[in-house]
Protein backbone atom coordinates (compact mmCIF):
# COMPACT_ATOMS: atom_id res chain seq x y z
CA MET A 1 -147.88 -67.48 -110.72
CA ILE A 2 -147.12 -65.06 -113.58
CA PRO A 3 -148.38 -61.64 -112.78
CA LYS A 4 -150.30 -59.44 -115.21
CA ILE A 5 -149.38 -55.85 -116.10
CA HIS A 6 -152.43 -53.73 -115.58
CA ILE A 7 -151.82 -50.71 -117.87
CA ALA A 8 -154.73 -48.51 -116.80
CA LEU A 9 -154.08 -48.99 -113.16
CA LEU A 10 -150.33 -48.22 -113.53
CA ARG A 11 -151.01 -45.11 -115.61
CA ALA A 12 -153.41 -43.92 -112.96
CA LYS A 13 -150.71 -44.12 -110.44
CA GLY A 14 -148.30 -42.27 -112.70
CA GLN A 15 -146.13 -45.40 -113.17
CA THR A 16 -144.86 -45.94 -116.75
CA GLU A 17 -142.01 -48.38 -115.88
CA GLY A 18 -141.27 -51.03 -113.40
CA LYS A 19 -139.89 -54.39 -112.54
CA LEU A 20 -141.55 -57.61 -111.42
CA ASP A 21 -139.72 -60.38 -109.71
CA PHE A 22 -141.51 -63.80 -109.60
CA SER A 23 -140.98 -67.46 -110.35
CA PHE A 24 -143.12 -70.15 -111.92
CA ASP A 25 -142.93 -73.84 -112.54
CA GLY A 26 -141.77 -75.14 -115.92
CA GLU A 27 -143.94 -77.87 -117.34
CA GLN A 28 -142.58 -81.29 -118.32
CA ASP A 29 -144.20 -81.07 -121.73
CA TRP A 30 -142.01 -78.08 -122.62
CA LEU A 31 -138.92 -80.36 -122.62
CA ASP A 32 -138.11 -82.27 -125.84
CA LEU A 33 -135.07 -83.85 -124.04
CA PRO A 34 -135.60 -87.39 -122.94
CA LEU A 35 -134.84 -88.21 -119.24
CA VAL A 36 -134.56 -84.56 -118.36
CA SER A 37 -136.75 -82.43 -115.99
CA PHE A 38 -136.76 -78.91 -114.45
CA SER A 39 -134.64 -78.89 -111.24
CA SER A 40 -135.92 -75.48 -110.08
CA PRO A 41 -138.74 -73.14 -110.86
CA VAL A 42 -138.11 -70.54 -113.52
CA SER A 43 -136.97 -67.29 -111.84
CA CYS A 44 -137.93 -64.17 -113.79
CA GLU A 45 -137.05 -60.50 -113.51
CA LEU A 46 -139.42 -58.67 -115.80
CA PHE A 47 -138.94 -55.08 -116.73
CA TYR A 48 -141.61 -53.09 -118.49
CA GLU A 49 -142.04 -49.64 -119.94
CA ILE A 50 -145.45 -48.29 -120.98
CA ALA A 51 -145.48 -45.81 -123.92
CA GLU A 52 -148.16 -43.08 -124.40
CA ASN A 53 -149.76 -45.04 -127.22
CA GLY A 54 -150.29 -48.03 -124.92
CA GLU A 55 -147.39 -50.10 -126.28
CA VAL A 56 -145.53 -52.04 -123.55
CA ALA A 57 -141.90 -52.89 -124.06
CA VAL A 58 -140.94 -55.86 -121.96
CA ARG A 59 -137.54 -57.41 -121.13
CA ALA A 60 -137.18 -60.58 -119.15
CA HIS A 61 -134.19 -62.27 -117.42
CA LEU A 62 -134.90 -65.96 -116.93
CA ARG A 63 -133.07 -68.46 -114.85
CA PHE A 64 -133.81 -72.16 -114.26
CA GLY A 65 -132.24 -75.47 -113.79
CA LEU A 66 -132.39 -78.70 -115.69
CA LYS A 67 -131.41 -82.21 -114.50
CA GLY A 68 -131.44 -85.66 -115.84
CA SER A 69 -129.28 -87.99 -117.85
CA CYS A 70 -126.50 -86.81 -120.13
CA SER A 71 -127.67 -86.92 -123.80
CA ARG A 72 -124.37 -88.65 -124.74
CA CYS A 73 -123.41 -91.14 -121.98
CA LEU A 74 -126.52 -91.20 -119.69
CA GLU A 75 -124.64 -90.15 -116.56
CA PRO A 76 -126.31 -87.68 -114.20
CA ALA A 77 -126.27 -84.15 -115.58
CA GLU A 78 -127.38 -80.72 -114.42
CA GLU A 79 -127.27 -77.35 -116.03
CA GLU A 80 -128.44 -73.82 -114.97
CA ILE A 81 -129.88 -71.83 -117.82
CA PHE A 82 -129.81 -68.10 -118.17
CA SER A 83 -131.70 -66.35 -120.90
CA GLU A 84 -132.93 -62.89 -121.84
CA ALA A 85 -135.76 -61.96 -124.11
CA GLU A 86 -137.62 -58.82 -125.29
CA ALA A 87 -141.04 -58.24 -126.60
CA LEU A 88 -143.41 -55.44 -127.66
CA PHE A 89 -147.04 -55.83 -126.53
CA VAL A 90 -149.47 -53.61 -128.40
CA PRO A 91 -153.19 -52.83 -127.69
CA GLY A 92 -155.66 -54.44 -130.08
CA GLU A 93 -154.33 -55.72 -133.36
CA ALA A 94 -150.64 -56.50 -133.69
CA ASP A 95 -148.23 -57.05 -136.59
CA GLU A 96 -146.86 -60.50 -135.70
CA ASP A 97 -144.49 -60.29 -138.59
CA GLU A 98 -142.74 -57.40 -136.72
CA GLY A 99 -142.69 -59.42 -133.45
CA GLU A 100 -145.55 -57.53 -131.86
CA ILE A 101 -147.85 -59.36 -129.43
CA PRO A 102 -151.44 -58.12 -128.99
CA TYR A 103 -153.19 -57.50 -125.62
CA ARG A 104 -156.70 -56.58 -124.84
CA GLY A 105 -158.64 -55.18 -121.96
CA GLY A 106 -155.83 -52.96 -120.65
CA CYS A 107 -153.94 -55.85 -119.26
CA VAL A 108 -150.78 -57.48 -120.57
CA GLU A 109 -150.62 -61.22 -119.78
CA PRO A 110 -147.10 -62.38 -120.53
CA ASP A 111 -147.73 -66.09 -119.72
CA GLY A 112 -147.61 -67.41 -123.35
CA TRP A 113 -144.61 -65.27 -124.29
CA LEU A 114 -142.69 -66.35 -121.18
CA ARG A 115 -143.47 -70.03 -121.95
CA GLU A 116 -142.01 -69.57 -125.41
CA CYS A 117 -138.98 -67.83 -123.96
CA VAL A 118 -138.25 -70.78 -121.68
CA ILE A 119 -138.80 -73.30 -124.46
CA PHE A 120 -136.39 -71.40 -126.77
CA ALA A 121 -133.79 -71.29 -123.95
CA ILE A 122 -133.71 -75.04 -123.50
CA PRO A 123 -130.63 -76.50 -125.02
CA PRO A 124 -130.91 -79.24 -127.58
CA VAL A 125 -128.83 -81.55 -125.40
CA LEU A 126 -127.90 -81.88 -121.74
CA HIS A 127 -124.34 -83.00 -121.08
CA CYS A 128 -122.54 -84.13 -117.86
CA ALA A 129 -119.35 -82.52 -116.79
CA ALA A 130 -117.14 -85.07 -118.43
CA CYS A 131 -118.87 -84.82 -121.79
CA LYS A 132 -118.87 -80.92 -121.61
CA GLN A 133 -115.03 -81.11 -121.00
CA GLU A 134 -114.59 -83.48 -123.94
CA ASP A 135 -116.55 -81.12 -126.18
CA ASN A 136 -114.37 -78.15 -124.97
CA ASN A 137 -111.12 -80.05 -125.76
CA LYS A 138 -112.21 -80.71 -129.42
């Protein structure tokens, strides 16, 4: 389950920055790779900082595993993926051309953004150890 960042509640407690540690399951339809699936939940460290104007800067460190068949030789393959991403959530309207993400109701819900972060972190191919070695020798 992906937690929400409750801006008003955190401000009332005098907290303007923090860290959330959680995990969530990746969904099979996020993967464009045939014969590949998630081998572990997505582990996330999410750091946030709330500005006076209500903007929330968020940074995420993501880690998850993939397993399946090598994209080249079809032998079993596994890979652990590490990724980092940043976003700026703004109250009300947002300038999406500037990469801002809107939020409403005093609560940042990073679900959609984290889904996109995982999708962008998935490699275009999954290779077994032998094929990775072959690529490194070229």
